[in-house]
C-alpha atoms as a PDB file:
ATOM      1  CA  MET A   1     -15.336   1.938  14.921  1.00  0.00           C
ATOM      2  CA  SER A   2     -12.436   2.116  12.468  1.00  0.00           C
ATOM      3  CA  LYS A   3     -12.227  -1.642  12.030  1.00  0.00           C
ATOM      4  CA  LYS A   4     -14.775  -4.201  10.941  1.00  0.00           C
ATOM      5  CA  GLU A   5     -14.878  -7.968  10.698  1.00  0.00           C
ATOM      6  CA  VAL A   6     -15.334  -9.289   7.176  1.00  0.00           C
ATOM      7  CA  PRO A   7     -16.884 -12.749   6.690  1.00  0.00           C
ATOM      8  CA  LEU A   8     -14.442 -14.920   4.790  1.00  0.00           C
ATOM      9  CA  HIS A   9     -16.851 -15.401   1.872  1.00  0.00           C
ATOM     10  CA  ALA A  10     -17.126 -11.590   1.543  1.00  0.00           C
ATOM     11  CA  LEU A  11     -13.354 -11.187   1.373  1.00  0.00           C
ATOM     12  CA  ALA A  12     -13.506 -11.953  -2.353  1.00  0.00           C
ATOM     13  CA  GLU A  13     -14.711  -8.424  -3.145  1.00  0.00           C
ATOM     14  CA  TYR A  14     -11.457  -6.992  -1.784  1.00  0.00           C
ATOM     15  CA  LEU A  15      -9.231  -9.332  -3.821  1.00  0.00           C
ATOM     16  CA  PRO A  16      -8.483  -9.860  -7.507  1.00  0.00           C
ATOM     17  CA  GLU A  17     -10.017 -12.897  -9.167  1.00  0.00           C
ATOM     18  CA  GLY A  18      -8.122 -16.074  -8.351  1.00  0.00           C
ATOM     19  CA  ALA A  19      -6.557 -14.761  -5.132  1.00  0.00           C
ATOM     20  CA  LEU A  20      -9.235 -15.730  -2.602  1.00  0.00           C
ATOM     21  CA  GLU A  21      -8.419 -19.434  -2.264  1.00  0.00           C
ATOM     22  CA  PRO A  22      -4.639 -19.029  -1.654  1.00  0.00           C
ATOM     23  CA  VAL A  23      -5.304 -16.133   0.739  1.00  0.00           C
ATOM     24  CA  LEU A  24      -7.797 -18.221   2.725  1.00  0.00           C
ATOM     25  CA  GLU A  25      -5.244 -21.013   2.883  1.00  0.00           C
ATOM     26  CA  TYR A  26      -2.766 -18.669   4.587  1.00  0.00           C
ATOM     27  CA  LEU A  27      -5.435 -17.293   6.940  1.00  0.00           C
ATOM     28  CA  HIS A  28      -6.423 -20.782   8.091  1.00  0.00           C
ATOM     29  CA  ARG A  29      -2.931 -22.261   8.225  1.00  0.00           C
ATOM     30  CA  TYR A  30      -1.520 -19.479  10.410  1.00  0.00           C
ATOM     31  CA  LYS A  31      -4.761 -18.678  12.264  1.00  0.00           C
ATOM     32  CA  ILE A  32      -4.733 -15.061  11.139  1.00  0.00           C
ATOM     33  CA  HIS A  33      -7.349 -12.670  12.504  1.00  0.00           C
ATOM     34  CA  LEU A  34      -7.896 -10.313   9.532  1.00  0.00           C
ATOM     35  CA  THR A  35      -9.711  -6.990   9.873  1.00  0.00           C
ATOM     36  CA  ILE A  36     -10.553  -4.419   7.223  1.00  0.00           C
ATOM     37  CA  THR A  37     -10.161  -0.811   8.326  1.00  0.00           C
ATOM     38  CA  ARG A  38     -11.248   2.574   7.127  1.00  0.00           C
ATOM     39  CA  GLU A  39      -8.645   4.643   5.337  1.00  0.00           C
ATOM     40  CA  ARG A  40      -5.589   5.444   7.467  1.00  0.00           C
ATOM     41  CA  ASN A  41      -3.331   8.198   6.181  1.00  0.00           C
ATOM     42  CA  SER A  42      -0.167   6.932   7.854  1.00  0.00           C
ATOM     43  CA  ILE A  43      -0.334   3.207   7.031  1.00  0.00           C
ATOM     44  CA  LEU A  44      -1.995   0.848   4.564  1.00  0.00           C
ATOM     45  CA  GLY A  45      -1.820  -2.210   6.803  1.00  0.00           C
ATOM     46  CA  ASP A  46      -0.217  -3.602   9.945  1.00  0.00           C
ATOM     47  CA  TYR A  47       0.681  -6.873  11.655  1.00  0.00           C
ATOM     48  CA  ARG A  48       0.590  -7.892  15.317  1.00  0.00           C
ATOM     49  CA  HIS A  49       2.073 -11.248  16.263  1.00  0.00           C
ATOM     50  CA  ALA A  50       0.217 -13.784  18.392  1.00  0.00           C
ATOM     51  CA  ILE A  51       0.571 -13.358  22.158  1.00  0.00           C
ATOM     52  CA  GLN A  52      -0.889 -15.302  25.075  1.00  0.00           C
ATOM     53  CA  GLN A  53      -2.366 -17.936  22.743  1.00  0.00           C
ATOM     54  CA  LYS A  54      -4.268 -15.330  20.715  1.00  0.00           C
ATOM     55  CA  ASN A  55      -4.229 -15.303  16.917  1.00  0.00           C
ATOM     56  CA  HIS A  56      -1.893 -13.358  14.687  1.00  0.00           C
ATOM     57  CA  ARG A  57      -3.616 -10.107  13.701  1.00  0.00           C
ATOM     58  CA  ILE A  58      -3.414  -8.309  10.358  1.00  0.00           C
ATOM     59  CA  SER A  59      -5.361  -5.238   9.303  1.00  0.00           C
ATOM     60  CA  VAL A  60      -5.584  -3.733   5.813  1.00  0.00           C
ATOM     61  CA  ASN A  61      -7.225  -0.507   4.668  1.00  0.00           C
ATOM     62  CA  GLY A  62     -10.521  -1.307   2.978  1.00  0.00           C
ATOM     63  CA  ASN A  63     -10.415   1.648   0.583  1.00  0.00           C
ATOM     64  CA  LEU A  64      -7.556   0.159  -1.455  1.00  0.00           C
ATOM     65  CA  ASN A  65      -8.160  -1.197  -4.925  1.00  0.00           C
ATOM     66  CA  GLN A  66      -8.020  -4.993  -5.195  1.00  0.00           C
ATOM     67  CA  TYR A  67      -4.409  -5.179  -6.344  1.00  0.00           C
ATOM     68  CA  ALA A  68      -3.124  -2.713  -3.732  1.00  0.00           C
ATOM     69  CA  PHE A  69      -5.131  -4.577  -1.078  1.00  0.00           C
ATOM     70  CA  LEU A  70      -3.498  -7.893  -1.980  1.00  0.00           C
ATOM     71  CA  VAL A  71       0.013  -6.413  -2.137  1.00  0.00           C
ATOM     72  CA  THR A  72      -0.491  -4.852   1.295  1.00  0.00           C
ATOM     73  CA  LEU A  73      -1.862  -8.098   2.718  1.00  0.00           C
ATOM     74  CA  LEU A  74       1.128 -10.057   1.397  1.00  0.00           C
ATOM     75  CA  HIS A  75       3.489  -7.453   2.862  1.00  0.00           C
ATOM     76  CA  GLU A  76       1.934  -8.012   6.302  1.00  0.00           C
ATOM     77  CA  MET A  77       1.851 -11.796   5.872  1.00  0.00           C
ATOM     78  CA  ALA A  78       5.582 -11.696   5.239  1.00  0.00           C
ATOM     79  CA  HIS A  79       6.011 -10.127   8.698  1.00  0.00           C
ATOM     80  CA  LEU A  80       4.117 -13.089  10.155  1.00  0.00           C
ATOM     81  CA  LEU A  81       6.228 -15.628   8.243  1.00  0.00           C
ATOM     82  CA  ALA A  82       9.446 -13.943   9.368  1.00  0.00           C
ATOM     83  CA  PHE A  83       8.213 -13.853  12.973  1.00  0.00           C
ATOM     84  CA  GLU A  84       7.305 -17.552  12.870  1.00  0.00           C
ATOM     85  CA  GLN A  85      10.891 -18.367  11.966  1.00  0.00           C
ATOM     86  CA  PHE A  86      12.920 -15.780  13.849  1.00  0.00           C
ATOM     87  CA  GLY A  87      10.705 -14.209  16.501  1.00  0.00           C
ATOM     88  CA  ASN A  88      11.663 -10.696  17.602  1.00  0.00           C
ATOM     89  CA  ARG A  89      15.352 -11.224  16.944  1.00  0.00           C
ATOM     90  CA  ILE A  90      15.292  -9.528  13.523  1.00  0.00           C
ATOM     91  CA  SER A  91      14.846  -6.070  12.057  1.00  0.00           C
ATOM     92  CA  PRO A  92      11.218  -5.448  10.980  1.00  0.00           C
ATOM     93  CA  HIS A  93      12.211  -4.951   7.339  1.00  0.00           C
ATOM     94  CA  GLY A  94      15.564  -6.686   7.320  1.00  0.00           C
ATOM     95  CA  LYS A  95      16.814  -9.417   5.023  1.00  0.00           C
ATOM     96  CA  GLU A  96      14.638 -12.062   6.687  1.00  0.00           C
ATOM     97  CA  TRP A  97      11.443 -10.126   6.012  1.00  0.00           C
ATOM     98  CA  LYS A  98      12.572  -9.240   2.487  1.00  0.00           C
ATOM     99  CA  ASN A  99      13.218 -12.910   1.769  1.00  0.00           C
ATOM    100  CA  GLU A 100       9.767 -13.981   3.013  1.00  0.00           C
ATOM    101  CA  TYR A 101       7.999 -11.170   1.158  1.00  0.00           C
ATOM    102  CA  SER A 102       9.787 -12.016  -2.077  1.00  0.00           C
ATOM    103  CA  LYS A 103       8.810 -15.685  -1.727  1.00  0.00           C
ATOM    104  CA  VAL A 104       5.134 -15.114  -0.966  1.00  0.00           C
ATOM    105  CA  LEU A 105       4.907 -12.466  -3.694  1.00  0.00           C
ATOM    106  CA  ALA A 106       6.454 -14.870  -6.195  1.00  0.00           C
ATOM    107  CA  GLN A 107       3.831 -17.502  -5.310  1.00  0.00           C
ATOM    108  CA  PHE A 108       0.991 -15.115  -6.157  1.00  0.00           C
ATOM    109  CA  LEU A 109       2.705 -13.908  -9.318  1.00  0.00           C
ATOM    110  CA  LEU A 110       2.728 -17.505 -10.519  1.00  0.00           C
ATOM    111  CA  LYS A 111      -1.048 -17.589 -10.051  1.00  0.00           C
ATOM    112  CA  LYS A 112      -1.433 -14.722 -12.557  1.00  0.00           C
ATOM    113  CA  VAL A 113      -3.819 -12.715 -10.389  1.00  0.00           C
ATOM    114  CA  PHE A 114      -2.249  -9.359 -11.319  1.00  0.00           C
ATOM    115  CA  PRO A 115      -2.535  -7.466 -14.626  1.00  0.00           C
ATOM    116  CA  SER A 116       0.650  -7.324 -16.694  1.00  0.00           C
ATOM    117  CA  ASP A 117       1.697  -3.794 -15.659  1.00  0.00           C
ATOM    118  CA  VAL A 118       1.320  -4.565 -11.930  1.00  0.00           C
ATOM    119  CA  GLU A 119       3.092  -7.899 -12.425  1.00  0.00           C
ATOM    120  CA  LYS A 120       6.028  -6.148 -14.073  1.00  0.00           C
ATOM    121  CA  ALA A 121       6.286  -3.635 -11.216  1.00  0.00           C
ATOM    122  CA  LEU A 122       6.121  -6.413  -8.614  1.00  0.00           C
ATOM    123  CA  LEU A 123       8.860  -8.397 -10.330  1.00  0.00           C
ATOM    124  CA  LYS A 124      11.050  -5.340  -9.846  1.00  0.00           C
ATOM    125  CA  SER A 125       9.996  -5.118  -6.189  1.00  0.00           C
ATOM    126  CA  ILE A 126      11.002  -8.724  -5.534  1.00  0.00           C
ATOM    127  CA  GLN A 127      14.628  -7.775  -6.129  1.00  0.00           C
ATOM    128  CA  ASN A 128      14.650  -5.339  -3.191  1.00  0.00           C
ATOM    129  CA  PRO A 129      11.309  -4.940  -1.372  1.00  0.00           C
ATOM    130  CA  SER A 130      10.463  -1.608   0.224  1.00  0.00           C
ATOM    131  CA  ALA A 131      10.081  -1.195   3.970  1.00  0.00           C
ATOM    132  CA  THR A 132       6.605   0.308   3.532  1.00  0.00           C
ATOM    133  CA  SER A 133       3.644  -1.418   1.979  1.00  0.00           C
ATOM    134  CA  CYS A 134       3.367  -0.343  -1.638  1.00  0.00           C
ATOM    135  CA  GLY A 135       6.349   1.851  -0.809  1.00  0.00           C
ATOM    136  CA  GLU A 136       8.155   2.006  -4.150  1.00  0.00           C
ATOM    137  CA  GLU A 137       7.028   4.933  -6.274  1.00  0.00           C
ATOM    138  CA  HIS A 138       7.067   2.891  -9.478  1.00  0.00           C
ATOM    139  CA  LEU A 139       4.715   0.373  -7.849  1.00  0.00           C
ATOM    140  CA  ILE A 140       2.424   3.029  -6.365  1.00  0.00           C
ATOM    141  CA  ARG A 141       2.173   4.711  -9.762  1.00  0.00           C
ATOM    142  CA  VAL A 142       1.051   1.490 -11.423  1.00  0.00           C
ATOM    143  CA  LEU A 143      -1.339   0.488  -8.639  1.00  0.00           C
ATOM    144  CA  LYS A 144      -3.014   3.902  -8.672  1.00  0.00           C
ATOM    145  CA  ARG A 145      -4.090   3.294 -12.271  1.00  0.00           C
ATOM    146  CA  TYR A 146      -6.726   1.014 -10.798  1.00  0.00           C
ATOM    147  CA  ASP A 147      -8.046   3.483  -8.221  1.00  0.00           C
ATOM    148  CA  ARG A 148     -11.456   5.061  -8.642  1.00  0.00           C
ATOM    149  CA  ARG A 149     -10.664   8.749  -8.507  1.00  0.00           C
ATOM    150  CA  ALA A 150     -12.898  11.763  -8.988  1.00  0.00           C
ATOM    151  CA  ALA A 151     -11.980  14.116 -11.833  1.00  0.00           C
ATOM    152  CA  HIS A 152     -10.509  16.688  -9.419  1.00  0.00           C
ATOM    153  CA  GLU A 153      -8.309  14.093  -7.658  1.00  0.00           C
ATOM    154  CA  VAL A 154      -4.859  13.914  -9.225  1.00  0.00           C
ATOM    155  CA  LEU A 155      -1.267  12.987  -8.508  1.00  0.00           C
ATOM    156  CA  VAL A 156       1.192  15.828  -8.010  1.00  0.00           C
ATOM    157  CA  GLU A 157       3.165  14.691 -11.065  1.00  0.00           C
ATOM    158  CA  GLU A 158       0.029  15.030 -13.209  1.00  0.00           C
ATOM    159  CA  LEU A 159      -0.260  18.761 -12.486  1.00  0.00           C
ATOM    160  CA  GLU A 160       1.369  21.430 -14.595  1.00  0.00           C
ATOM    161  CA  GLU A 161       3.906  23.773 -13.023  1.00  0.00           C
ATOM    162  CA  GLY A 162       2.106  26.738 -11.458  1.00  0.00           C
ATOM    163  CA  GLN A 163      -1.105  24.763 -10.821  1.00  0.00           C
ATOM    164  CA  LEU A 164      -2.779  25.152  -7.429  1.00  0.00           C
ATOM    165  CA  PHE A 165      -3.647  22.053  -5.427  1.00  0.00           C
ATOM    166  CA  GLN A 166      -5.055  21.214  -2.011  1.00  0.00           C
ATOM    167  CA  THR A 167      -3.763  18.560   0.390  1.00  0.00           C
ATOM    168  CA  ARG A 168      -5.985  16.519   2.691  1.00  0.00           C
ATOM    169  CA  ASP A 169      -5.368  18.868   5.607  1.00  0.00           C
ATOM    170  CA  GLY A 170      -6.858  21.749   3.598  1.00  0.00           C
ATOM    171  CA  ARG A 171      -3.655  23.624   2.766  1.00  0.00           C
ATOM    172  CA  ILE A 172      -3.289  25.154  -0.696  1.00  0.00           C
ATOM    173  CA  PHE A 173      -0.030  24.894  -2.647  1.00  0.00           C
ATOM    174  CA  ARG A 174       1.288  26.115  -5.961  1.00  0.00           C
ATOM    175  CA  LYS A 175       3.305  23.505  -7.806  1.00  0.00           C
ATOM    176  CA  GLY A 176       6.883  24.465  -8.672  1.00  0.00           C
ATOM    177  CA  GLU A 177       9.744  22.862 -10.506  1.00  0.00           C
ATOM    178  CA  LYS A 178      10.626  19.196 -10.382  1.00  0.00           C
ATOM    179  CA  LEU A 179      13.854  18.205  -8.710  1.00  0.00           C
ATOM    180  CA  ARG A 180      15.414  14.767  -9.136  1.00  0.00           C
ATOM    181  CA  LYS A 181      12.697  12.743  -7.377  1.00  0.00           C
ATOM    182  CA  ARG A 182      10.423  15.355  -5.792  1.00  0.00           C
ATOM    183  CA  HIS A 183       8.332  18.314  -6.847  1.00  0.00           C
ATOM    184  CA  LYS A 184       8.674  21.695  -5.145  1.00  0.00           C
ATOM    185  CA  ALA A 185       5.474  23.397  -4.052  1.00  0.00           C
ATOM    186  CA  THR A 186       4.841  26.634  -2.182  1.00  0.00           C
ATOM    187  CA  ASP A 187       2.258  26.999   0.560  1.00  0.00           C
ATOM    188  CA  VAL A 188       0.246  29.998  -0.678  1.00  0.00           C
ATOM    189  CA  THR A 189      -0.543  31.113   2.879  1.00  0.00           C
ATOM    190  CA  THR A 190       2.882  30.903   4.526  1.00  0.00           C
ATOM    191  CA  GLY A 191       5.188  31.059   1.517  1.00  0.00           C
ATOM    192  CA  LEU A 192       7.080  28.029   2.785  1.00  0.00           C
ATOM    193  CA  VAL A 193       8.394  25.582   0.199  1.00  0.00           C
ATOM    194  CA  TYR A 194       7.804  21.841   0.523  1.00  0.00           C
ATOM    195  CA  LEU A 195       8.841  18.787  -1.479  1.00  0.00           C
ATOM    196  CA  PHE A 196       6.190  16.334  -2.666  1.00  0.00           C
ATOM    197  CA  SER A 197       6.403  12.862  -4.106  1.00  0.00           C
ATOM    198  CA  GLY A 198       5.078  12.739  -7.643  1.00  0.00           C
ATOM    199  CA  VAL A 199       2.598  10.036  -6.658  1.00  0.00           C
ATOM    200  CA  TYR A 200       1.126  11.998  -3.729  1.00  0.00           C
ATOM    201  CA  GLU A 201      -2.627  12.340  -4.267  1.00  0.00           C
ATOM    202  CA  VAL A 202      -4.092  15.843  -4.056  1.00  0.00           C
ATOM    203  CA  THR A 203      -7.125  17.847  -5.177  1.00  0.00           C
ATOM    204  CA  ARG A 204      -6.827  20.193  -8.136  1.00  0.00           C
ATOM    205  CA  VAL A 205      -7.804  23.801  -7.341  1.00  0.00           C
ATOM    206  CA  LYS A 206      -9.109  26.134 -10.011  1.00  0.00           C
ATOM    207  CA  SER A 207      -6.984  29.275 -10.308  1.00  0.00           C
END
């Protein structure tokens, strides 16, 4: 199974110190059914509103570091809070959601559960939250500092031009020049050129 139930007392290992109690308060108050999933490449978390007297459901990838896990959880909680007020009458990441996300994020920032660099990045996010969890590159870059990565696992922006790297689907690329916000890279098999975010995680390949 890709999802697993996590006893509430065990949730602490997924969260930064000081975050468990306020998170549990939200889970109990809104009757949230929280599940921890294996890594999903397309999403970090999701929210499903309560239907037919069932609980609200939130899932978060369990491979995230504690700060990324909490940010993702708060992103999904903001969907719940917006739904409680407006139902399905709003855009998923419209002004209503942005307002709720900014408010809940501000509450946790006041609790000082994030390190200073993450806190600074989140203060910037509050001004205009991204539609995807941990979606702003500046925030991803900071959060990834707290990942446990093997020596061969790097971000595209950490590679030198001309370096070979492998993506998760097994394709090999040679890094090219940097454009304004993306890095060009050539598929060594097909010769096709792709654009990569600088914070995309890849595996370094020895030339």
